[in-house]
Amino acid sequence: MDEAEEIKRRMMEQMQRQMEEEQQAQAEREIIEAQKKALLRQLLDAEARGRLERIRMAKPEEAEYIENQLIRLYQMGRIRTKLTDEAFKVLIKNLLPEKRDINIRRI
């Protein structure tokens, strides 16, 4: 009985440690996300933030890529002022590759 109780106790401790690690990781992710949002508020005006949110609703991967590139440009010192919607549109156009239209012709 003592062995079974010891195994059970160790398993419970391990599960508890895993839960604590997961909670800590989740808290860290939330902090990073909050910092990211604060920085984006600082970099984009209201119209540009709205545009980014609309992109996020349609294409979440592209929005994430754009956010990361904005942060990278800010860290490199290439963005110094708040971006207007027009400047943001130009930036998006330069960041994202052009889409190709593929036409299939049947003969």
PDB file of N, CA and C in Angstrom:
ATOM      1  N   MET A   1       0.821  -1.203   0.000  1.00  0.00           N
ATOM      2  CA  MET A   1       0.000   0.000   0.000  1.00  0.00           C
ATOM      3  C   MET A   1       0.858   1.257   0.000  1.00  0.00           C
ATOM      4  N   ASP A   2       1.973   1.233   0.729  1.00  0.00           N
ATOM      5  CA  ASP A   2       2.828   2.408   0.795  1.00  0.00           C
ATOM      6  C   ASP A   2       3.388   2.767  -0.574  1.00  0.00           C
ATOM      7  N   GLU A   3       3.764   1.752  -1.359  1.00  0.00           N
ATOM      8  CA  GLU A   3       4.303   2.004  -2.699  1.00  0.00           C
ATOM      9  C   GLU A   3       3.250   2.645  -3.595  1.00  0.00           C
ATOM     10  N   ALA A   4       2.056   2.137  -3.555  1.00  0.00           N
ATOM     11  CA  ALA A   4       0.978   2.669  -4.381  1.00  0.00           C
ATOM     12  C   ALA A   4       0.668   4.110  -3.998  1.00  0.00           C
ATOM     13  N   GLU A   5       0.667   4.391  -2.714  1.00  0.00           N
ATOM     14  CA  GLU A   5       0.413   5.756  -2.255  1.00  0.00           C
ATOM     15  C   GLU A   5       1.538   6.692  -2.677  1.00  0.00           C
ATOM     16  N   GLU A   6       2.778   6.195  -2.608  1.00  0.00           N
ATOM     17  CA  GLU A   6       3.932   7.007  -3.016  1.00  0.00           C
ATOM     18  C   GLU A   6       3.865   7.323  -4.513  1.00  0.00           C
ATOM     19  N   ILE A   7       3.516   6.344  -5.327  1.00  0.00           N
ATOM     20  CA  ILE A   7       3.384   6.544  -6.774  1.00  0.00           C
ATOM     21  C   ILE A   7       2.270   7.544  -7.056  1.00  0.00           C
ATOM     22  N   LYS A   8       1.177   7.385  -6.370  1.00  0.00           N
ATOM     23  CA  LYS A   8       0.041   8.296  -6.540  1.00  0.00           C
ATOM     24  C   LYS A   8       0.432   9.720  -6.144  1.00  0.00           C
ATOM     25  N   ARG A   9       1.154   9.858  -5.040  1.00  0.00           N
ATOM     26  CA  ARG A   9       1.594  11.170  -4.580  1.00  0.00           C
ATOM     27  C   ARG A   9       2.535  11.812  -5.598  1.00  0.00           C
ATOM     28  N   ARG A  10       3.490  11.034  -6.143  1.00  0.00           N
ATOM     29  CA  ARG A  10       4.420  11.562  -7.144  1.00  0.00           C
ATOM     30  C   ARG A  10       3.696  11.998  -8.417  1.00  0.00           C
ATOM     31  N   MET A  11       2.732  11.206  -8.813  1.00  0.00           N
ATOM     32  CA  MET A  11       1.965  11.554 -10.023  1.00  0.00           C
ATOM     33  C   MET A  11       1.176  12.836  -9.806  1.00  0.00           C
ATOM     34  N   MET A  12       0.602  12.985  -8.625  1.00  0.00           N
ATOM     35  CA  MET A  12      -0.148  14.204  -8.316  1.00  0.00           C
ATOM     36  C   MET A  12       0.779  15.418  -8.310  1.00  0.00           C
ATOM     37  N   GLU A  13       1.977  15.264  -7.742  1.00  0.00           N
ATOM     38  CA  GLU A  13       2.946  16.358  -7.733  1.00  0.00           C
ATOM     39  C   GLU A  13       3.354  16.735  -9.154  1.00  0.00           C
ATOM     40  N   GLN A  14       3.578  15.715  -9.971  1.00  0.00           N
ATOM     41  CA  GLN A  14       3.963  15.965 -11.362  1.00  0.00           C
ATOM     42  C   GLN A  14       2.846  16.685 -12.112  1.00  0.00           C
ATOM     43  N   MET A  15       1.622  16.245 -11.915  1.00  0.00           N
ATOM     44  CA  MET A  15       0.484  16.900 -12.569  1.00  0.00           C
ATOM     45  C   MET A  15       0.353  18.345 -12.102  1.00  0.00           C
ATOM     46  N   GLN A  16       0.563  18.566 -10.828  1.00  0.00           N
ATOM     47  CA  GLN A  16       0.468  19.914 -10.273  1.00  0.00           C
ATOM     48  C   GLN A  16       1.558  20.811 -10.861  1.00  0.00           C
ATOM     49  N   ARG A  17       2.789  20.290 -10.979  1.00  0.00           N
ATOM     50  CA  ARG A  17       3.878  21.069 -11.583  1.00  0.00           C
ATOM     51  C   ARG A  17       3.558  21.408 -13.035  1.00  0.00           C
ATOM     52  N   GLN A  18       3.023  20.445 -13.777  1.00  0.00           N
ATOM     53  CA  GLN A  18       2.659  20.690 -15.173  1.00  0.00           C
ATOM     54  C   GLN A  18       1.595  21.774 -15.277  1.00  0.00           C
ATOM     55  N   MET A  19       0.599  21.722 -14.403  1.00  0.00           N
ATOM     56  CA  MET A  19      -0.455  22.737 -14.423  1.00  0.00           C
ATOM     57  C   MET A  19       0.120  24.110 -14.110  1.00  0.00           C
ATOM     58  N   GLU A  20       1.026  24.187 -13.139  1.00  0.00           N
ATOM     59  CA  GLU A  20       1.645  25.465 -12.783  1.00  0.00           C
ATOM     60  C   GLU A  20       2.473  26.005 -13.950  1.00  0.00           C
ATOM     61  N   GLU A  21       3.214  25.131 -14.633  1.00  0.00           N
ATOM     62  CA  GLU A  21       4.012  25.550 -15.784  1.00  0.00           C
ATOM     63  C   GLU A  21       3.116  26.058 -16.915  1.00  0.00           C
ATOM     64  N   GLU A  22       2.010  25.364 -17.148  1.00  0.00           N
ATOM     65  CA  GLU A  22       1.074  25.791 -18.189  1.00  0.00           C
ATOM     66  C   GLU A  22       0.457  27.152 -17.849  1.00  0.00           C
ATOM     67  N   GLN A  23       0.113  27.341 -16.575  1.00  0.00           N
ATOM     68  CA  GLN A  23      -0.454  28.621 -16.155  1.00  0.00           C
ATOM     69  C   GLN A  23       0.569  29.739 -16.307  1.00  0.00           C
ATOM     70  N   GLN A  24       1.815  29.455 -15.972  1.00  0.00           N
ATOM     71  CA  GLN A  24       2.866  30.459 -16.104  1.00  0.00           C
ATOM     72  C   GLN A  24       3.092  30.796 -17.579  1.00  0.00           C
ATOM     73  N   ALA A  25       3.111  29.791 -18.429  1.00  0.00           N
ATOM     74  CA  ALA A  25       3.299  30.023 -19.861  1.00  0.00           C
ATOM     75  C   ALA A  25       2.144  30.841 -20.423  1.00  0.00           C
ATOM     76  N   GLN A  26       0.923  30.542 -19.992  1.00  0.00           N
ATOM     77  CA  GLN A  26      -0.247  31.290 -20.444  1.00  0.00           C
ATOM     78  C   GLN A  26      -0.162  32.748 -19.990  1.00  0.00           C
ATOM     79  N   ALA A  27       0.257  32.957 -18.766  1.00  0.00           N
ATOM     80  CA  ALA A  27       0.409  34.326 -18.248  1.00  0.00           C
ATOM     81  C   ALA A  27       1.457  35.085 -19.046  1.00  0.00           C
ATOM     82  N   GLU A  28       2.562  34.426 -19.377  1.00  0.00           N
ATOM     83  CA  GLU A  28       3.604  35.070 -20.176  1.00  0.00           C
ATOM     84  C   GLU A  28       3.089  35.433 -21.561  1.00  0.00           C
ATOM     85  N   ARG A  29       2.317  34.526 -22.182  1.00  0.00           N
ATOM     86  CA  ARG A  29       1.738  34.808 -23.506  1.00  0.00           C
ATOM     87  C   ARG A  29       0.798  36.008 -23.440  1.00  0.00           C
ATOM     88  N   GLU A  30       0.005  36.096 -22.365  1.00  0.00           N
ATOM     89  CA  GLU A  30      -0.917  37.217 -22.208  1.00  0.00           C
ATOM     90  C   GLU A  30      -0.162  38.532 -22.036  1.00  0.00           C
ATOM     91  N   ILE A  31       0.942  38.497 -21.294  1.00  0.00           N
ATOM     92  CA  ILE A  31       1.752  39.707 -21.102  1.00  0.00           C
ATOM     93  C   ILE A  31       2.344  40.154 -22.430  1.00  0.00           C
ATOM     94  N   ILE A  32       2.883  39.209 -23.184  1.00  0.00           N
ATOM     95  CA  ILE A  32       3.472  39.538 -24.487  1.00  0.00           C
ATOM     96  C   ILE A  32       2.409  40.116 -25.417  1.00  0.00           C
ATOM     97  N   GLU A  33       1.226  39.512 -25.420  1.00  0.00           N
ATOM     98  CA  GLU A  33       0.136  40.001 -26.280  1.00  0.00           C
ATOM     99  C   GLU A  33      -0.276  41.413 -25.870  1.00  0.00           C
ATOM    100  N   ALA A  34      -0.336  41.686 -24.577  1.00  0.00           N
ATOM    101  CA  ALA A  34      -0.698  43.024 -24.101  1.00  0.00           C
ATOM    102  C   ALA A  34       0.362  44.049 -24.512  1.00  0.00           C
ATOM    103  N   GLN A  35       1.638  43.676 -24.405  1.00  0.00           N
ATOM    104  CA  GLN A  35       2.712  44.570 -24.825  1.00  0.00           C
ATOM    105  C   GLN A  35       2.634  44.841 -26.323  1.00  0.00           C
ATOM    106  N   LYS A  36       2.326  43.808 -27.072  1.00  0.00           N
ATOM    107  CA  LYS A  36       2.209  43.941 -28.529  1.00  0.00           C
ATOM    108  C   LYS A  36       1.074  44.899 -28.890  1.00  0.00           C
ATOM    109  N   LYS A  37      -0.071  44.739 -28.226  1.00  0.00           N
ATOM    110  CA  LYS A  37      -1.209  45.623 -28.493  1.00  0.00           C
ATOM    111  C   LYS A  37      -0.894  47.064 -28.126  1.00  0.00           C
ATOM    112  N   ALA A  38      -0.193  47.260 -27.003  1.00  0.00           N
ATOM    113  CA  ALA A  38       0.170  48.614 -26.589  1.00  0.00           C
ATOM    114  C   ALA A  38       1.111  49.254 -27.595  1.00  0.00           C
ATOM    115  N   LEU A  39       2.050  48.500 -28.096  1.00  0.00           N
ATOM    116  CA  LEU A  39       2.983  49.026 -29.087  1.00  0.00           C
ATOM    117  C   LEU A  39       2.267  49.349 -30.391  1.00  0.00           C
ATOM    118  N   LEU A  40       1.341  48.490 -30.803  1.00  0.00           N
ATOM    119  CA  LEU A  40       0.590  48.758 -32.033  1.00  0.00           C
ATOM    120  C   LEU A  40      -0.287  49.995 -31.879  1.00  0.00           C
ATOM    121  N   ARG A  41      -0.855  50.222 -30.693  1.00  0.00           N
ATOM    122  CA  ARG A  41      -1.629  51.442 -30.440  1.00  0.00           C
ATOM    123  C   ARG A  41      -0.739  52.664 -30.573  1.00  0.00           C
ATOM    124  N   GLN A  42       0.498  52.507 -30.177  1.00  0.00           N
ATOM    125  CA  GLN A  42       1.453  53.605 -30.256  1.00  0.00           C
ATOM    126  C   GLN A  42       1.894  53.856 -31.707  1.00  0.00           C
ATOM    127  N   LEU A  43       1.951  52.806 -32.522  1.00  0.00           N
ATOM    128  CA  LEU A  43       2.463  52.923 -33.887  1.00  0.00           C
ATOM    129  C   LEU A  43       1.406  53.284 -34.918  1.00  0.00           C
ATOM    130  N   LEU A  44       0.144  52.902 -34.680  1.00  0.00           N
ATOM    131  CA  LEU A  44      -0.903  53.077 -35.693  1.00  0.00           C
ATOM    132  C   LEU A  44      -1.986  54.026 -35.203  1.00  0.00           C
ATOM    133  N   ASP A  45      -2.493  54.855 -36.110  1.00  0.00           N
ATOM    134  CA  ASP A  45      -3.636  55.691 -35.733  1.00  0.00           C
ATOM    135  C   ASP A  45      -4.903  54.835 -35.759  1.00  0.00           C
ATOM    136  N   ALA A  46      -6.031  55.416 -35.389  1.00  0.00           N
ATOM    137  CA  ALA A  46      -7.279  54.657 -35.228  1.00  0.00           C
ATOM    138  C   ALA A  46      -7.720  53.983 -36.524  1.00  0.00           C
ATOM    139  N   GLU A  47      -7.619  54.686 -37.646  1.00  0.00           N
ATOM    140  CA  GLU A  47      -8.044  54.100 -38.922  1.00  0.00           C
ATOM    141  C   GLU A  47      -7.148  52.924 -39.309  1.00  0.00           C
ATOM    142  N   ALA A  48      -5.855  53.068 -39.100  1.00  0.00           N
ATOM    143  CA  ALA A  48      -4.922  51.996 -39.446  1.00  0.00           C
ATOM    144  C   ALA A  48      -5.149  50.779 -38.545  1.00  0.00           C
ATOM    145  N   ARG A  49      -5.430  51.017 -37.248  1.00  0.00           N
ATOM    146  CA  ARG A  49      -5.732  49.892 -36.356  1.00  0.00           C
ATOM    147  C   ARG A  49      -7.002  49.184 -36.792  1.00  0.00           C
ATOM    148  N   GLY A  50      -7.994  49.950 -37.224  1.00  0.00           N
ATOM    149  CA  GLY A  50      -9.225  49.348 -37.728  1.00  0.00           C
ATOM    150  C   GLY A  50      -8.959  48.491 -38.950  1.00  0.00           C
ATOM    151  N   ARG A  51      -8.109  48.994 -39.837  1.00  0.00           N
ATOM    152  CA  ARG A  51      -7.754  48.227 -41.038  1.00  0.00           C
ATOM    153  C   ARG A  51      -7.065  46.919 -40.635  1.00  0.00           C
ATOM    154  N   LEU A  52      -6.153  47.000 -39.680  1.00  0.00           N
ATOM    155  CA  LEU A  52      -5.460  45.792 -39.220  1.00  0.00           C
ATOM    156  C   LEU A  52      -6.450  44.789 -38.624  1.00  0.00           C
ATOM    157  N   GLU A  53      -7.420  45.271 -37.869  1.00  0.00           N
ATOM    158  CA  GLU A  53      -8.431  44.372 -37.292  1.00  0.00           C
ATOM    159  C   GLU A  53      -9.287  43.720 -38.377  1.00  0.00           C
ATOM    160  N   ARG A  54      -9.618  44.474 -39.412  1.00  0.00           N
ATOM    161  CA  ARG A  54     -10.385  43.887 -40.518  1.00  0.00           C
ATOM    162  C   ARG A  54      -9.559  42.825 -41.245  1.00  0.00           C
ATOM    163  N   ILE A  55      -8.276  43.088 -41.395  1.00  0.00           N
ATOM    164  CA  ILE A  55      -7.399  42.081 -42.002  1.00  0.00           C
ATOM    165  C   ILE A  55      -7.362  40.846 -41.119  1.00  0.00           C
ATOM    166  N   ARG A  56      -7.291  41.058 -39.798  1.00  0.00           N
ATOM    167  CA  ARG A  56      -7.239  39.930 -38.861  1.00  0.00           C
ATOM    168  C   ARG A  56      -8.495  39.060 -38.967  1.00  0.00           C
ATOM    169  N   MET A  57      -9.642  39.695 -39.164  1.00  0.00           N
ATOM    170  CA  MET A  57     -10.885  38.924 -39.270  1.00  0.00           C
ATOM    171  C   MET A  57     -10.888  38.085 -40.544  1.00  0.00           C
ATOM    172  N   ALA A  58     -10.345  38.625 -41.633  1.00  0.00           N
ATOM    173  CA  ALA A  58     -10.350  37.914 -42.906  1.00  0.00           C
ATOM    174  C   ALA A  58      -9.178  36.941 -43.024  1.00  0.00           C
ATOM    175  N   LYS A  59      -7.989  37.389 -42.609  1.00  0.00           N
ATOM    176  CA  LYS A  59      -6.783  36.579 -42.789  1.00  0.00           C
ATOM    177  C   LYS A  59      -5.888  36.720 -41.558  1.00  0.00           C
ATOM    178  N   PRO A  60      -6.133  35.922 -40.528  1.00  0.00           N
ATOM    179  CA  PRO A  60      -5.379  36.050 -39.276  1.00  0.00           C
ATOM    180  C   PRO A  60      -3.864  35.876 -39.443  1.00  0.00           C
ATOM    181  N   GLU A  61      -3.448  34.992 -40.343  1.00  0.00           N
ATOM    182  CA  GLU A  61      -2.009  34.763 -40.530  1.00  0.00           C
ATOM    183  C   GLU A  61      -1.333  36.011 -41.085  1.00  0.00           C
ATOM    184  N   GLU A  62      -1.984  36.648 -42.048  1.00  0.00           N
ATOM    185  CA  GLU A  62      -1.418  37.866 -42.630  1.00  0.00           C
ATOM    186  C   GLU A  62      -1.353  38.988 -41.595  1.00  0.00           C
ATOM    187  N   ALA A  63      -2.373  39.096 -40.767  1.00  0.00           N
ATOM    188  CA  ALA A  63      -2.381  40.137 -39.729  1.00  0.00           C
ATOM    189  C   ALA A  63      -1.233  39.908 -38.754  1.00  0.00           C
ATOM    190  N   GLU A  64      -1.010  38.670 -38.376  1.00  0.00           N
ATOM    191  CA  GLU A  64       0.097  38.340 -37.469  1.00  0.00           C
ATOM    192  C   GLU A  64       1.432  38.702 -38.114  1.00  0.00           C
ATOM    193  N   TYR A  65       1.579  38.376 -39.386  1.00  0.00           N
ATOM    194  CA  TYR A  65       2.810  38.693 -40.116  1.00  0.00           C
ATOM    195  C   TYR A  65       3.022  40.211 -40.168  1.00  0.00           C
ATOM    196  N   ILE A  66       1.965  40.953 -40.475  1.00  0.00           N
ATOM    197  CA  ILE A  66       2.062  42.411 -40.559  1.00  0.00           C
ATOM    198  C   ILE A  66       2.450  42.996 -39.199  1.00  0.00           C
ATOM    199  N   GLU A  67       1.824  42.511 -38.127  1.00  0.00           N
ATOM    200  CA  GLU A  67       2.151  42.989 -36.778  1.00  0.00           C
ATOM    201  C   GLU A  67       3.627  42.748 -36.465  1.00  0.00           C
ATOM    202  N   ASN A  68       4.091  41.544 -36.745  1.00  0.00           N
ATOM    203  CA  ASN A  68       5.483  41.215 -36.450  1.00  0.00           C
ATOM    204  C   ASN A  68       6.438  42.096 -37.253  1.00  0.00           C
ATOM    205  N   GLN A  69       6.103  42.353 -38.516  1.00  0.00           N
ATOM    206  CA  GLN A  69       6.948  43.200 -39.340  1.00  0.00           C
ATOM    207  C   GLN A  69       6.937  44.643 -38.836  1.00  0.00           C
ATOM    208  N   LEU A  70       5.763  45.129 -38.408  1.00  0.00           N
ATOM    209  CA  LEU A  70       5.683  46.480 -37.845  1.00  0.00           C
ATOM    210  C   LEU A  70       6.574  46.614 -36.614  1.00  0.00           C
ATOM    211  N   ILE A  71       6.499  45.627 -35.744  1.00  0.00           N
ATOM    212  CA  ILE A  71       7.303  45.653 -34.528  1.00  0.00           C
ATOM    213  C   ILE A  71       8.785  45.598 -34.879  1.00  0.00           C
ATOM    214  N   ARG A  72       9.131  44.758 -35.838  1.00  0.00           N
ATOM    215  CA  ARG A  72      10.526  44.657 -36.254  1.00  0.00           C
ATOM    216  C   ARG A  72      11.024  45.987 -36.832  1.00  0.00           C
ATOM    217  N   LEU A  73      10.206  46.624 -37.673  1.00  0.00           N
ATOM    218  CA  LEU A  73      10.585  47.917 -38.242  1.00  0.00           C
ATOM    219  C   LEU A  73      10.750  48.975 -37.155  1.00  0.00           C
ATOM    220  N   TYR A  74       9.874  48.940 -36.162  1.00  0.00           N
ATOM    221  CA  TYR A  74       9.972  49.883 -35.042  1.00  0.00           C
ATOM    222  C   TYR A  74      11.271  49.648 -34.260  1.00  0.00           C
ATOM    223  N   GLN A  75      11.584  48.385 -33.997  1.00  0.00           N
ATOM    224  CA  GLN A  75      12.787  48.064 -33.242  1.00  0.00           C
ATOM    225  C   GLN A  75      14.053  48.463 -34.002  1.00  0.00           C
ATOM    226  N   MET A  76      13.995  48.393 -35.338  1.00  0.00           N
ATOM    227  CA  MET A  76      15.145  48.787 -36.154  1.00  0.00           C
ATOM    228  C   MET A  76      15.238  50.302 -36.301  1.00  0.00           C
ATOM    229  N   GLY A  77      14.210  51.013 -35.842  1.00  0.00           N
ATOM    230  CA  GLY A  77      14.218  52.472 -35.912  1.00  0.00           C
ATOM    231  C   GLY A  77      13.725  53.018 -37.239  1.00  0.00           C
ATOM    232  N   ARG A  78      13.076  52.187 -38.040  1.00  0.00           N
ATOM    233  CA  ARG A  78      12.598  52.636 -39.342  1.00  0.00           C
ATOM    234  C   ARG A  78      11.221  53.272 -39.257  1.00  0.00           C
ATOM    235  N   ILE A  79      10.522  53.052 -38.150  1.00  0.00           N
ATOM    236  CA  ILE A  79       9.239  53.720 -37.910  1.00  0.00           C
ATOM    237  C   ILE A  79       9.443  54.614 -36.686  1.00  0.00           C
ATOM    238  N   ARG A  80       9.247  55.901 -36.884  1.00  0.00           N
ATOM    239  CA  ARG A  80       9.478  56.838 -35.774  1.00  0.00           C
ATOM    240  C   ARG A  80       8.210  57.594 -35.376  1.00  0.00           C
ATOM    241  N   THR A  81       7.246  57.650 -36.290  1.00  0.00           N
ATOM    242  CA  THR A  81       6.013  58.376 -36.000  1.00  0.00           C
ATOM    243  C   THR A  81       4.829  57.439 -36.161  1.00  0.00           C
ATOM    244  N   LYS A  82       3.682  57.906 -35.700  1.00  0.00           N
ATOM    245  CA  LYS A  82       2.450  57.136 -35.819  1.00  0.00           C
ATOM    246  C   LYS A  82       2.067  57.041 -37.296  1.00  0.00           C
ATOM    247  N   LEU A  83       1.755  55.824 -37.748  1.00  0.00           N
ATOM    248  CA  LEU A  83       1.394  55.621 -39.149  1.00  0.00           C
ATOM    249  C   LEU A  83      -0.072  55.965 -39.384  1.00  0.00           C
ATOM    250  N   THR A  84      -0.328  56.717 -40.429  1.00  0.00           N
ATOM    251  CA  THR A  84      -1.710  56.988 -40.840  1.00  0.00           C
ATOM    252  C   THR A  84      -2.206  55.804 -41.649  1.00  0.00           C
ATOM    253  N   ASP A  85      -3.480  55.820 -41.952  1.00  0.00           N
ATOM    254  CA  ASP A  85      -4.060  54.728 -42.730  1.00  0.00           C
ATOM    255  C   ASP A  85      -3.424  54.655 -44.115  1.00  0.00           C
ATOM    256  N   GLU A  86      -3.187  55.801 -44.736  1.00  0.00           N
ATOM    257  CA  GLU A  86      -2.579  55.815 -46.076  1.00  0.00           C
ATOM    258  C   GLU A  86      -1.174  55.225 -46.042  1.00  0.00           C
ATOM    259  N   ALA A  87      -0.373  55.621 -45.062  1.00  0.00           N
ATOM    260  CA  ALA A  87       0.984  55.090 -44.938  1.00  0.00           C
ATOM    261  C   ALA A  87       0.943  53.597 -44.623  1.00  0.00           C
ATOM    262  N   PHE A  88      -0.039  53.189 -43.830  1.00  0.00           N
ATOM    263  CA  PHE A  88      -0.184  51.777 -43.478  1.00  0.00           C
ATOM    264  C   PHE A  88      -0.545  50.953 -44.705  1.00  0.00           C
ATOM    265  N   LYS A  89      -1.403  51.487 -45.559  1.00  0.00           N
ATOM    266  CA  LYS A  89      -1.763  50.786 -46.795  1.00  0.00           C
ATOM    267  C   LYS A  89      -0.524  50.562 -47.664  1.00  0.00           C
ATOM    268  N   VAL A  90       0.309  51.591 -47.779  1.00  0.00           N
ATOM    269  CA  VAL A  90       1.530  51.475 -48.576  1.00  0.00           C
ATOM    270  C   VAL A  90       2.451  50.421 -47.972  1.00  0.00           C
ATOM    271  N   LEU A  91       2.574  50.444 -46.659  1.00  0.00           N
ATOM    272  CA  LEU A  91       3.415  49.473 -45.971  1.00  0.00           C
ATOM    273  C   LEU A  91       2.916  48.052 -46.200  1.00  0.00           C
ATOM    274  N   ILE A  92       1.610  47.854 -46.087  1.00  0.00           N
ATOM    275  CA  ILE A  92       1.032  46.521 -46.305  1.00  0.00           C
ATOM    276  C   ILE A  92       1.317  46.059 -47.722  1.00  0.00           C
ATOM    277  N   LYS A  93       1.144  46.963 -48.664  1.00  0.00           N
ATOM    278  CA  LYS A  93       1.382  46.613 -50.065  1.00  0.00           C
ATOM    279  C   LYS A  93       2.827  46.168 -50.273  1.00  0.00           C
ATOM    280  N   ASN A  94       3.760  46.811 -49.576  1.00  0.00           N
ATOM    281  CA  ASN A  94       5.169  46.441 -49.697  1.00  0.00           C
ATOM    282  C   ASN A  94       5.518  45.172 -48.929  1.00  0.00           C
ATOM    283  N   LEU A  95       4.812  44.914 -47.840  1.00  0.00           N
ATOM    284  CA  LEU A  95       5.121  43.738 -47.020  1.00  0.00           C
ATOM    285  C   LEU A  95       4.589  42.443 -47.610  1.00  0.00           C
ATOM    286  N   LEU A  96       3.377  42.502 -48.122  1.00  0.00           N
ATOM    287  CA  LEU A  96       2.742  41.280 -48.606  1.00  0.00           C
ATOM    288  C   LEU A  96       3.075  41.060 -50.079  1.00  0.00           C
ATOM    289  N   PRO A  97       3.349  39.827 -50.440  1.00  0.00           N
ATOM    290  CA  PRO A  97       3.637  39.561 -51.848  1.00  0.00           C
ATOM    291  C   PRO A  97       2.386  39.748 -52.706  1.00  0.00           C
ATOM    292  N   GLU A  98       2.642  40.081 -53.959  1.00  0.00           N
ATOM    293  CA  GLU A  98       1.507  40.241 -54.867  1.00  0.00           C
ATOM    294  C   GLU A  98       0.852  38.894 -55.108  1.00  0.00           C
ATOM    295  N   LYS A  99      -0.456  38.934 -55.243  1.00  0.00           N
ATOM    296  CA  LYS A  99      -1.186  37.707 -55.512  1.00  0.00           C
ATOM    297  C   LYS A  99      -1.129  37.435 -57.003  1.00  0.00           C
ATOM    298  N   ARG A 100      -1.020  36.190 -57.326  1.00  0.00           N
ATOM    299  CA  ARG A 100      -1.012  35.788 -58.722  1.00  0.00           C
ATOM    300  C   ARG A 100      -2.386  35.243 -59.081  1.00  0.00           C
ATOM    301  N   ASP A 101      -2.839  35.616 -60.238  1.00  0.00           N
ATOM    302  CA  ASP A 101      -4.056  35.026 -60.756  1.00  0.00           C
ATOM    303  C   ASP A 101      -3.653  33.881 -61.676  1.00  0.00           C
ATOM    304  N   ILE A 102      -4.202  32.740 -61.423  1.00  0.00           N
ATOM    305  CA  ILE A 102      -3.886  31.575 -62.243  1.00  0.00           C
ATOM    306  C   ILE A 102      -5.100  31.281 -63.098  1.00  0.00           C
ATOM    307  N   ASN A 103      -4.895  31.305 -64.383  1.00  0.00           N
ATOM    308  CA  ASN A 103      -5.949  30.989 -65.335  1.00  0.00           C
ATOM    309  C   ASN A 103      -5.637  29.661 -65.991  1.00  0.00           C
ATOM    310  N   ILE A 104      -6.616  28.812 -66.028  1.00  0.00           N
ATOM    311  CA  ILE A 104      -6.456  27.522 -66.677  1.00  0.00           C
ATOM    312  C   ILE A 104      -7.285  27.538 -67.950  1.00  0.00           C
ATOM    313  N   ARG A 105      -6.610  27.335 -69.048  1.00  0.00           N
ATOM    314  CA  ARG A 105      -7.310  27.292 -70.332  1.00  0.00           C
ATOM    315  C   ARG A 105      -7.457  25.865 -70.782  1.00  0.00           C
ATOM    316  N   ARG A 106      -8.621  25.529 -71.172  1.00  0.00           N
ATOM    317  CA  ARG A 106      -8.859  24.188 -71.701  1.00  0.00           C
ATOM    318  C   ARG A 106      -8.889  24.264 -73.216  1.00  0.00           C
ATOM    319  N   ILE A 107      -8.248  23.351 -73.824  1.00  0.00           N
ATOM    320  CA  ILE A 107      -8.207  23.339 -75.292  1.00  0.00           C
ATOM    321  C   ILE A 107      -9.084  22.226 -75.827  1.00  0.00           C
TER     322      ILE A 107
END
